[in-house]
Amino acid sequence: MAREIFTSRFTAVLTMLGISMGLGNVWRFPYMMGSYGGSAFLIVYLIFTFLFAIPALMAEMALGQMSGRGTVDSLRLVFGKKTGNFFGYLLLAVVTVAGSYYAVIVGNVFYSSLFALLVGFKNEGTEQYHTLLANGWLQYAVTMVVVLASLFVIHKGLSKGIELISNVVMPFLFAALIYMIIHALLLPGAIEQCLQFLKPNWRVLHATEIFAAMGQAFFSVGLGGTFVVVYAGFFKKDESIPVMAMVTGLGDAGSSLLFSLFLIPSILVFGLNMAAGPTLIFDTFPQLFNSMPGGRWLGPLVLFSIFIVGFLSLVAAYQVPFTSMLYEKPTWTRKRILIIIAVLQAMLALPSSLYPNIISNLDLIFGSGMQVVGSGLCIIGLTWGISRSTSMLQMFSANKTSVWHLFFYLWMKWIIPLALLSVLIGYIYDMAR
């Protein structure tokens, strides 16, 4: 079977940014920051991004590029057949569950964009919006439309599906972000409240908050031994892993800060509770667009762009089992695999649609915990499962080892796994008390 590859580095960068940004930066980041320590959480998140997430991106990209055959095969290369199969299928199960509740959120954003276009948030519009948003069966129907649409994009392939959407949507989204940031910061009292909020209170940081910040850093860029591993399999063989990891990590962290620059001032000015959980942005957007000049027409465009970014991440979530099973089950047709994914998502998305309060709990387990575990497995596999020369050649594409390369390799081999393990143990201990 011919291996699909990105048509250029530019499209590869846009696609990696699209799948890494997703709704992790819009939907997840504000409520995680509000629930787990405010600006102190933000600082710890940025530290984890630079020290751990970007090196972990390199490890996952190196594994994915080396294999080109999905999650299971990548882990089999470094752990052996039996252990690699176990870990690989475990991570496929994790991303399948995570994809189900994530699809509900993406469906909520799609519904929000349609409502903003057809009805708007003026007068009684906001009340009607929230009533319909709380209708579980309606949101389940919207979710299934989104699921089927994402599977259709996978069916169309890399260049005609994912790359095309990324190239069109990403530039518009950044332009709209700048406009929304300017408006949000000009709201009465916005800057003063932001400056007050940004004063970190280090006393609120405990093991749970640190674990949540680490999980956000890994979730935000799509780490977990799944998304990045599969999409790195679409890289050209001479693609620079350090460059792609750095651009993806810094671009994602930058987009988190950009989204925060319009969301946080709006949340503070409108007196909303930042610890409200997964529904936070759905309370914020109606009020923001209602107060914004041109918000009646900009709102639907921005929401639809955010939907597309989340949609790209959802496509990536389903691309993981799809690509992996194409190679693991060569007798299965593409259509059969897509149907199986659709059926599984139809079953798994129902509880999250009808009982959305469970999403935050599922997200902490599958979005934070298991993604850290999955990425940790990739790091351990690359640095312990194969020779140093092989892993360094795959990461740095250099026959001569520099002092910088060696330091980076030892950092990944020893420091990152020990740090991840200590934070995880601290979280478990904190929860057990």
Protein backbone atom coordinates (compact mmCIF):
# COMPACT_ATOMS: atom_id res chain seq x y z
CA MET A 1 0.00 0.00 0.00
CA ALA A 2 1.43 3.39 -1.03
CA ARG A 3 2.24 5.68 1.90
CA GLU A 4 0.59 9.10 1.77
CA ILE A 5 2.88 12.08 2.43
CA PHE A 6 2.38 15.82 2.90
CA THR A 7 2.78 17.77 -0.33
CA SER A 8 5.07 20.39 1.28
CA ARG A 9 6.55 21.50 4.61
CA PHE A 10 4.14 24.45 4.69
CA THR A 11 1.07 22.20 4.49
CA ALA A 12 2.65 19.83 7.00
CA VAL A 13 3.15 22.71 9.46
CA LEU A 14 -0.40 24.03 8.98
CA THR A 15 -1.86 20.54 9.43
CA MET A 16 0.20 19.82 12.56
CA LEU A 17 -0.84 23.19 14.01
CA GLY A 18 -4.47 22.47 13.11
CA ILE A 19 -4.59 19.09 14.84
CA SER A 20 -2.54 20.28 17.83
CA MET A 21 -4.57 23.45 18.40
CA GLY A 22 -8.00 21.91 18.11
CA LEU A 23 -10.37 22.74 20.93
CA GLY A 24 -7.67 22.07 23.51
CA ASN A 25 -6.79 25.75 23.30
CA VAL A 26 -10.32 27.17 23.04
CA TRP A 27 -12.57 24.79 24.95
CA ARG A 28 -10.19 23.08 27.37
CA PHE A 29 -7.50 25.62 28.25
CA PRO A 30 -9.69 28.36 29.87
CA TYR A 31 -11.67 26.00 32.10
CA MET A 32 -8.56 24.00 33.06
CA MET A 33 -6.80 27.23 34.04
CA GLY A 34 -9.86 28.39 35.98
CA SER A 35 -10.26 25.05 37.78
CA TYR A 36 -6.61 24.30 38.55
CA GLY A 37 -4.81 27.39 39.78
CA GLY A 38 -5.37 30.34 37.46
CA SER A 39 -2.23 32.14 36.31
CA ALA A 40 -0.04 29.80 38.40
CA PHE A 41 -1.42 26.96 36.25
CA LEU A 42 -0.53 28.99 33.13
CA ILE A 43 3.10 29.38 34.17
CA VAL A 44 3.51 25.69 35.04
CA TYR A 45 1.83 24.76 31.74
CA LEU A 46 4.33 26.86 29.77
CA ILE A 47 7.25 25.30 31.67
CA PHE A 48 5.98 21.80 30.89
CA THR A 49 5.50 22.76 27.24
CA PHE A 50 9.11 23.91 26.78
CA LEU A 51 10.86 21.31 28.95
CA PHE A 52 8.73 18.22 28.29
CA ALA A 53 6.11 18.58 25.54
CA ILE A 54 8.44 19.75 22.74
CA PRO A 55 11.01 16.97 23.41
CA ALA A 56 8.13 14.49 23.60
CA LEU A 57 6.92 15.78 20.22
CA MET A 58 10.34 14.95 18.81
CA ALA A 59 10.15 11.41 20.19
CA GLU A 60 6.66 10.77 18.81
CA MET A 61 7.48 12.33 15.44
CA ALA A 62 10.65 10.25 15.18
CA LEU A 63 8.73 7.05 15.92
CA GLY A 64 5.95 7.91 13.49
CA GLN A 65 8.34 8.86 10.69
CA MET A 66 10.41 5.72 11.29
CA SER A 67 7.37 3.43 11.08
CA GLY A 68 4.89 5.22 8.81
CA ARG A 69 2.36 2.52 9.73
CA GLY A 70 0.49 3.86 12.75
CA THR A 71 0.54 3.54 16.53
CA VAL A 72 0.69 -0.24 16.97
CA ASP A 73 3.54 -0.77 14.52
CA SER A 74 5.52 2.17 15.96
CA LEU A 75 5.41 0.73 19.47
CA ARG A 76 6.15 -2.76 18.17
CA LEU A 77 9.40 -1.43 16.65
CA VAL A 78 10.71 -0.34 20.06
CA PHE A 79 9.04 -2.74 22.52
CA GLY A 80 8.87 -5.95 20.52
CA LYS A 81 5.82 -7.75 19.16
CA LYS A 82 3.99 -8.84 22.33
CA THR A 83 4.55 -5.75 24.49
CA GLY A 84 4.23 -3.38 21.53
CA ASN A 85 0.90 -4.89 20.54
CA PHE A 86 -0.44 -4.54 24.09
CA PHE A 87 0.58 -0.90 24.44
CA GLY A 88 -0.46 -0.07 20.88
CA TYR A 89 -3.98 -1.43 21.18
CA LEU A 90 -4.34 0.13 24.64
CA LEU A 91 -3.61 3.56 23.16
CA LEU A 92 -6.03 2.91 20.29
CA ALA A 93 -8.73 2.21 22.90
CA VAL A 94 -7.83 5.41 24.77
CA VAL A 95 -8.03 7.63 21.68
CA THR A 96 -11.32 5.97 20.68
CA VAL A 97 -12.90 6.86 24.03
CA ALA A 98 -11.40 10.35 23.99
CA GLY A 99 -12.69 10.87 20.45
CA SER A 100 -16.24 10.12 21.56
CA TYR A 101 -16.58 12.92 24.13
CA TYR A 102 -14.44 15.25 22.05
CA ALA A 103 -16.90 14.72 19.19
CA VAL A 104 -19.70 15.95 21.47
CA ILE A 105 -17.81 19.19 22.16
CA VAL A 106 -17.01 19.67 18.46
CA GLY A 107 -20.71 19.05 17.74
CA ASN A 108 -21.64 21.68 20.35
CA VAL A 109 -19.42 24.23 18.59
CA PHE A 110 -20.94 23.33 15.22
CA TYR A 111 -24.43 23.80 16.67
CA SER A 112 -23.30 27.13 18.16
CA SER A 113 -22.06 28.36 14.79
CA LEU A 114 -25.35 27.42 13.10
CA PHE A 115 -27.38 29.08 15.85
CA ALA A 116 -25.26 32.24 15.65
CA LEU A 117 -25.85 32.37 11.88
CA LEU A 118 -29.57 31.55 11.79
CA VAL A 119 -30.83 33.13 15.03
CA GLY A 120 -28.09 35.11 16.78
CA PHE A 121 -27.75 35.92 20.48
CA LYS A 122 -29.80 39.11 20.71
CA ASN A 123 -32.89 39.38 22.98
CA GLU A 124 -34.31 35.92 23.74
CA GLY A 125 -31.79 34.24 21.45
CA THR A 126 -29.35 33.42 24.23
CA GLU A 127 -31.98 31.66 26.35
CA GLN A 128 -33.15 29.63 23.37
CA TYR A 129 -29.53 28.80 22.54
CA HIS A 130 -28.87 27.35 26.01
CA THR A 131 -32.16 25.44 26.01
CA LEU A 132 -31.27 23.69 22.78
CA LEU A 133 -27.67 23.18 23.89
CA ALA A 134 -28.99 21.31 26.93
CA ASN A 135 -31.11 19.03 24.71
CA GLY A 136 -29.01 15.85 24.83
CA TRP A 137 -30.71 14.06 21.95
CA LEU A 138 -30.41 17.08 19.67
CA GLN A 139 -26.72 17.43 20.50
CA TYR A 140 -26.25 13.69 19.95
CA ALA A 141 -27.74 14.02 16.46
CA VAL A 142 -25.43 16.96 15.70
CA THR A 143 -22.49 14.95 17.08
CA MET A 144 -23.20 12.05 14.74
CA VAL A 145 -23.32 14.41 11.76
CA VAL A 146 -19.87 15.67 12.78
CA VAL A 147 -18.56 12.12 13.27
CA LEU A 148 -19.74 11.02 9.82
CA ALA A 149 -18.31 14.17 8.23
CA SER A 150 -14.91 13.55 9.82
CA LEU A 151 -14.89 9.95 8.57
CA PHE A 152 -15.75 11.23 5.10
CA VAL A 153 -12.66 13.50 5.20
CA ILE A 154 -10.52 10.48 6.09
CA HIS A 155 -12.10 8.62 3.18
CA LYS A 156 -11.09 11.47 0.83
CA GLY A 157 -7.44 11.13 1.86
CA LEU A 158 -4.65 13.44 2.98
CA SER A 159 -4.27 16.01 0.18
CA LYS A 160 -7.96 16.27 -0.82
CA GLY A 161 -9.22 16.29 2.75
CA ILE A 162 -7.07 17.33 5.70
CA GLU A 163 -4.51 19.52 3.89
CA LEU A 164 -7.19 21.38 1.91
CA ILE A 165 -9.19 22.30 5.03
CA SER A 166 -6.06 23.36 6.95
CA ASN A 167 -4.83 25.65 4.18
CA VAL A 168 -8.17 27.48 3.94
CA VAL A 169 -9.19 27.82 7.59
CA MET A 170 -6.00 28.47 9.57
CA PRO A 171 -5.11 31.90 8.06
CA PHE A 172 -8.69 33.17 8.53
CA LEU A 173 -8.82 31.98 12.13
CA PHE A 174 -5.67 33.89 13.08
CA ALA A 175 -6.99 37.08 11.45
CA ALA A 176 -10.29 36.77 13.34
CA LEU A 177 -8.38 36.14 16.59
CA ILE A 178 -6.55 39.47 16.34
CA TYR A 179 -9.86 41.33 15.92
CA MET A 180 -11.45 39.54 18.88
CA ILE A 181 -8.43 40.16 21.13
CA ILE A 182 -8.56 43.89 20.41
CA HIS A 183 -12.29 44.02 21.17
CA ALA A 184 -11.99 41.95 24.36
CA LEU A 185 -9.18 44.08 25.76
CA LEU A 186 -11.20 47.25 25.05
CA LEU A 187 -14.12 46.03 27.18
CA PRO A 188 -14.63 48.24 30.29
CA GLY A 189 -12.21 47.19 33.02
CA ALA A 190 -10.81 44.28 30.99
CA ILE A 191 -7.12 45.14 31.25
CA GLU A 192 -7.30 45.90 34.99
CA GLN A 193 -9.05 42.60 35.73
CA CYS A 194 -6.59 40.68 33.55
CA LEU A 195 -3.60 42.18 35.36
CA GLN A 196 -5.17 41.19 38.68
CA PHE A 197 -5.91 37.67 37.44
CA LEU A 198 -2.36 37.24 36.12
CA LYS A 199 -0.83 37.63 39.59
CA PRO A 200 -0.02 34.00 40.43
CA ASN A 201 -1.11 32.52 43.73
CA TRP A 202 1.42 29.73 44.24
CA ARG A 203 -0.35 28.46 47.36
CA VAL A 204 -3.13 26.93 45.26
CA LEU A 205 -0.69 24.64 43.44
CA HIS A 206 -0.74 21.07 44.69
CA ALA A 207 -0.01 17.74 42.98
CA THR A 208 -3.43 17.72 41.30
CA GLU A 209 -2.94 21.18 39.78
CA ILE A 210 0.58 20.33 38.58
CA PHE A 211 -0.69 17.08 37.06
CA ALA A 212 -3.48 18.99 35.30
CA ALA A 213 -0.98 21.51 33.89
CA MET A 214 1.24 18.71 32.63
CA GLY A 215 -1.76 16.97 31.10
CA GLN A 216 -2.81 20.19 29.37
CA ALA A 217 0.68 20.65 27.89
CA PHE A 218 0.56 17.12 26.46
CA PHE A 219 -3.12 17.25 25.44
CA SER A 220 -2.78 20.63 23.77
CA VAL A 221 -0.14 19.56 21.24
CA GLY A 222 -1.79 16.19 20.61
CA LEU A 223 0.73 13.98 22.43
CA GLY A 224 -0.18 10.51 23.61
CA GLY A 225 1.44 8.10 21.17
CA THR A 226 -1.46 8.50 18.75
CA PHE A 227 -2.12 11.73 16.80
CA VAL A 228 1.48 12.84 16.34
CA VAL A 229 2.77 9.33 15.66
CA VAL A 230 0.24 8.79 12.87
CA TYR A 231 0.64 12.20 11.23
CA ALA A 232 4.44 12.04 11.43
CA GLY A 233 4.07 8.95 9.28
CA PHE A 234 2.97 11.36 6.52
CA PHE A 235 6.26 13.31 6.75
CA LYS A 236 8.79 13.05 3.98
CA LYS A 237 11.74 10.91 5.03
CA ASP A 238 14.10 13.91 5.02
CA GLU A 239 11.77 16.13 7.08
CA SER A 240 13.54 17.80 10.02
CA ILE A 241 12.07 16.44 13.25
CA PRO A 242 13.51 19.21 15.52
CA VAL A 243 12.11 21.95 13.26
CA MET A 244 8.65 20.39 13.04
CA ALA A 245 8.51 19.74 16.80
CA MET A 246 9.63 23.26 17.67
CA VAL A 247 7.22 24.94 15.24
CA THR A 248 4.31 22.75 16.40
CA GLY A 249 5.02 23.21 20.12
CA LEU A 250 5.65 26.95 20.00
CA GLY A 251 2.75 27.53 17.59
CA ASP A 252 0.38 25.63 19.86
CA ALA A 253 1.53 27.43 23.03
CA GLY A 254 1.25 30.74 21.19
CA SER A 255 -2.27 29.96 20.04
CA SER A 256 -3.25 29.06 23.62
CA LEU A 257 -2.08 32.48 24.74
CA LEU A 258 -3.85 34.19 21.83
CA PHE A 259 -7.15 32.47 22.58
CA SER A 260 -6.72 33.35 26.24
CA LEU A 261 -6.21 37.02 25.38
CA PHE A 262 -9.80 37.31 24.16
CA LEU A 263 -11.49 34.65 26.31
CA ILE A 264 -10.13 35.54 29.75
CA PRO A 265 -10.89 39.30 29.58
CA SER A 266 -14.40 38.48 28.36
CA ILE A 267 -14.96 35.91 31.10
CA LEU A 268 -13.78 38.31 33.81
CA VAL A 269 -15.73 41.33 32.52
CA PHE A 270 -18.97 39.36 32.15
CA GLY A 271 -18.56 37.96 35.68
CA LEU A 272 -18.52 34.31 34.61
CA ASN A 273 -16.97 31.56 36.71
CA MET A 274 -13.70 30.35 35.15
CA ALA A 275 -14.03 27.12 37.11
CA ALA A 276 -17.40 26.37 35.50
CA GLY A 277 -15.94 23.43 33.58
CA PRO A 278 -16.40 22.26 29.97
CA THR A 279 -19.43 24.52 29.35
CA LEU A 280 -17.46 27.72 30.04
CA ILE A 281 -16.91 28.85 26.45
CA PHE A 282 -20.58 28.25 25.60
CA ASP A 283 -21.49 30.80 28.27
CA THR A 284 -18.81 33.24 27.09
CA PHE A 285 -19.29 33.35 23.32
CA PRO A 286 -22.95 34.51 23.27
CA GLN A 287 -22.18 37.49 25.53
CA LEU A 288 -18.96 38.31 23.69
CA PHE A 289 -20.55 38.36 20.24
CA ASN A 290 -23.59 40.20 21.57
CA SER A 291 -21.38 43.07 22.78
CA MET A 292 -18.94 43.12 19.86
CA PRO A 293 -19.28 45.55 16.92
CA GLY A 294 -20.16 43.38 13.96
CA GLY A 295 -20.56 40.40 16.28
CA ARG A 296 -23.83 39.34 14.62
CA TRP A 297 -21.91 38.38 11.48
CA LEU A 298 -18.40 37.84 12.79
CA GLY A 299 -19.70 35.43 15.45
CA PRO A 300 -20.82 32.69 13.03
CA LEU A 301 -17.57 32.98 11.06
CA VAL A 302 -15.38 32.73 14.15
CA LEU A 303 -17.39 29.87 15.63
CA PHE A 304 -17.31 28.00 12.35
CA SER A 305 -13.53 28.49 12.09
CA ILE A 306 -13.11 27.21 15.64
CA PHE A 307 -15.34 24.29 14.73
CA ILE A 308 -13.11 23.47 11.75
CA VAL A 309 -9.98 23.56 13.94
CA GLY A 310 -11.67 21.21 16.41
CA PHE A 311 -12.91 19.15 13.49
CA LEU A 312 -9.33 18.67 12.27
CA SER A 313 -8.37 17.27 15.67
CA LEU A 314 -11.38 14.98 15.57
CA VAL A 315 -10.33 13.76 12.13
CA ALA A 316 -6.88 13.11 13.61
CA ALA A 317 -8.45 11.12 16.47
CA TYR A 318 -10.19 8.83 14.00
CA GLN A 319 -7.18 8.76 11.67
CA VAL A 320 -5.26 7.01 14.46
CA PRO A 321 -7.30 3.76 14.53
CA PHE A 322 -8.00 4.02 10.79
CA THR A 323 -4.33 4.17 9.75
CA SER A 324 -3.27 1.62 12.34
CA MET A 325 -5.93 -0.91 11.36
CA LEU A 326 -5.17 -0.50 7.65
CA TYR A 327 -1.80 -2.09 8.35
CA GLU A 328 -2.80 -4.39 11.22
CA LYS A 329 -5.77 -5.88 9.32
CA PRO A 330 -4.69 -5.90 5.65
CA THR A 331 -7.74 -7.95 4.64
CA TRP A 332 -10.10 -5.25 5.94
CA THR A 333 -11.24 -2.65 3.42
CA ARG A 334 -11.10 1.09 4.12
CA LYS A 335 -14.90 1.16 4.11
CA ARG A 336 -15.14 -1.61 6.71
CA ILE A 337 -12.75 0.16 9.09
CA LEU A 338 -14.63 3.45 8.75
CA ILE A 339 -17.96 1.72 9.48
CA ILE A 340 -16.53 0.06 12.60
CA ILE A 341 -15.23 3.42 13.86
CA ALA A 342 -18.63 5.04 13.18
CA VAL A 343 -20.50 2.33 15.12
CA LEU A 344 -18.12 2.57 18.09
CA GLN A 345 -18.44 6.35 18.19
CA ALA A 346 -22.22 6.16 17.96
CA MET A 347 -22.26 4.03 21.11
CA LEU A 348 -19.58 5.85 23.06
CA ALA A 349 -20.77 9.41 22.33
CA LEU A 350 -24.29 8.82 23.65
CA PRO A 351 -23.53 9.05 27.41
CA SER A 352 -21.50 12.26 26.95
CA SER A 353 -24.32 13.81 24.89
CA LEU A 354 -27.03 12.99 27.42
CA TYR A 355 -24.92 13.60 30.55
CA PRO A 356 -22.33 16.26 29.61
CA ASN A 357 -21.24 16.63 33.25
CA ILE A 358 -19.21 13.42 32.90
CA ILE A 359 -17.01 14.96 30.20
CA SER A 360 -14.68 16.77 32.63
CA ASN A 361 -14.02 13.51 34.52
CA LEU A 362 -13.45 11.56 31.32
CA ASP A 363 -11.20 14.32 30.05
CA LEU A 364 -8.98 14.30 33.15
CA ILE A 365 -8.50 10.53 32.80
CA PHE A 366 -8.23 10.14 29.02
CA GLY A 367 -7.24 13.67 28.06
CA SER A 368 -4.62 14.25 30.76
CA GLY A 369 -3.63 10.98 32.39
CA MET A 370 -3.57 8.52 29.53
CA GLN A 371 -2.06 10.96 27.03
CA VAL A 372 0.87 11.52 29.39
CA VAL A 373 1.21 7.74 29.77
CA GLY A 374 1.09 7.22 25.99
CA SER A 375 3.70 9.86 25.29
CA GLY A 376 5.87 8.50 28.10
CA LEU A 377 5.78 5.09 26.43
CA CYS A 378 7.01 6.63 23.17
CA ILE A 379 9.87 8.41 24.94
CA ILE A 380 10.90 5.26 26.84
CA GLY A 381 10.60 3.14 23.70
CA LEU A 382 12.74 5.49 21.60
CA THR A 383 15.47 5.96 24.23
CA TRP A 384 15.48 2.53 25.90
CA GLY A 385 13.99 0.16 23.33
CA ILE A 386 16.43 0.78 20.47
CA SER A 387 20.08 1.78 20.23
CA ARG A 388 21.17 5.32 20.96
CA SER A 389 22.70 5.72 17.51
CA THR A 390 19.46 4.65 15.79
CA SER A 391 17.20 6.91 17.84
CA MET A 392 19.52 9.93 17.54
CA LEU A 393 19.88 9.44 13.79
CA GLN A 394 16.09 9.28 13.48
CA MET A 395 15.57 12.43 15.58
CA PHE A 396 18.41 14.61 14.34
CA SER A 397 19.25 13.15 10.89
CA ALA A 398 22.95 13.65 11.68
CA ASN A 399 25.66 11.04 11.41
CA LYS A 400 27.92 13.01 13.78
CA THR A 401 26.68 13.40 17.35
CA SER A 402 27.09 16.87 18.85
CA VAL A 403 27.18 17.69 22.56
CA TRP A 404 23.74 19.32 22.17
CA HIS A 405 22.28 16.17 20.61
CA LEU A 406 23.71 14.01 23.39
CA PHE A 407 22.38 16.31 26.12
CA PHE A 408 18.94 16.32 24.52
CA TYR A 409 18.96 12.52 24.23
CA LEU A 410 19.95 12.06 27.89
CA TRP A 411 17.30 14.61 28.94
CA MET A 412 14.66 12.54 27.16
CA LYS A 413 16.00 9.22 28.44
CA TRP A 414 16.30 10.08 32.12
CA ILE A 415 14.81 13.39 33.18
CA ILE A 416 11.46 13.41 31.37
CA PRO A 417 10.36 9.86 32.38
CA LEU A 418 11.37 10.47 36.01
CA ALA A 419 9.59 13.84 36.08
CA LEU A 420 6.42 12.38 34.56
CA LEU A 421 6.48 9.48 37.00
CA SER A 422 6.96 11.73 40.03
CA VAL A 423 4.10 14.04 39.02
CA LEU A 424 1.83 11.04 38.38
CA ILE A 425 2.68 9.50 41.78
CA GLY A 426 2.07 12.84 43.47
CA TYR A 427 -1.31 13.13 41.79
CA ILE A 428 -2.36 9.62 42.85
CA TYR A 429 -1.22 10.31 46.42
CA ASP A 430 -3.05 13.64 46.48
CA MET A 431 -6.27 12.01 45.23
CA ALA A 432 -6.02 9.14 47.76
CA ARG A 433 -5.77 11.46 50.78
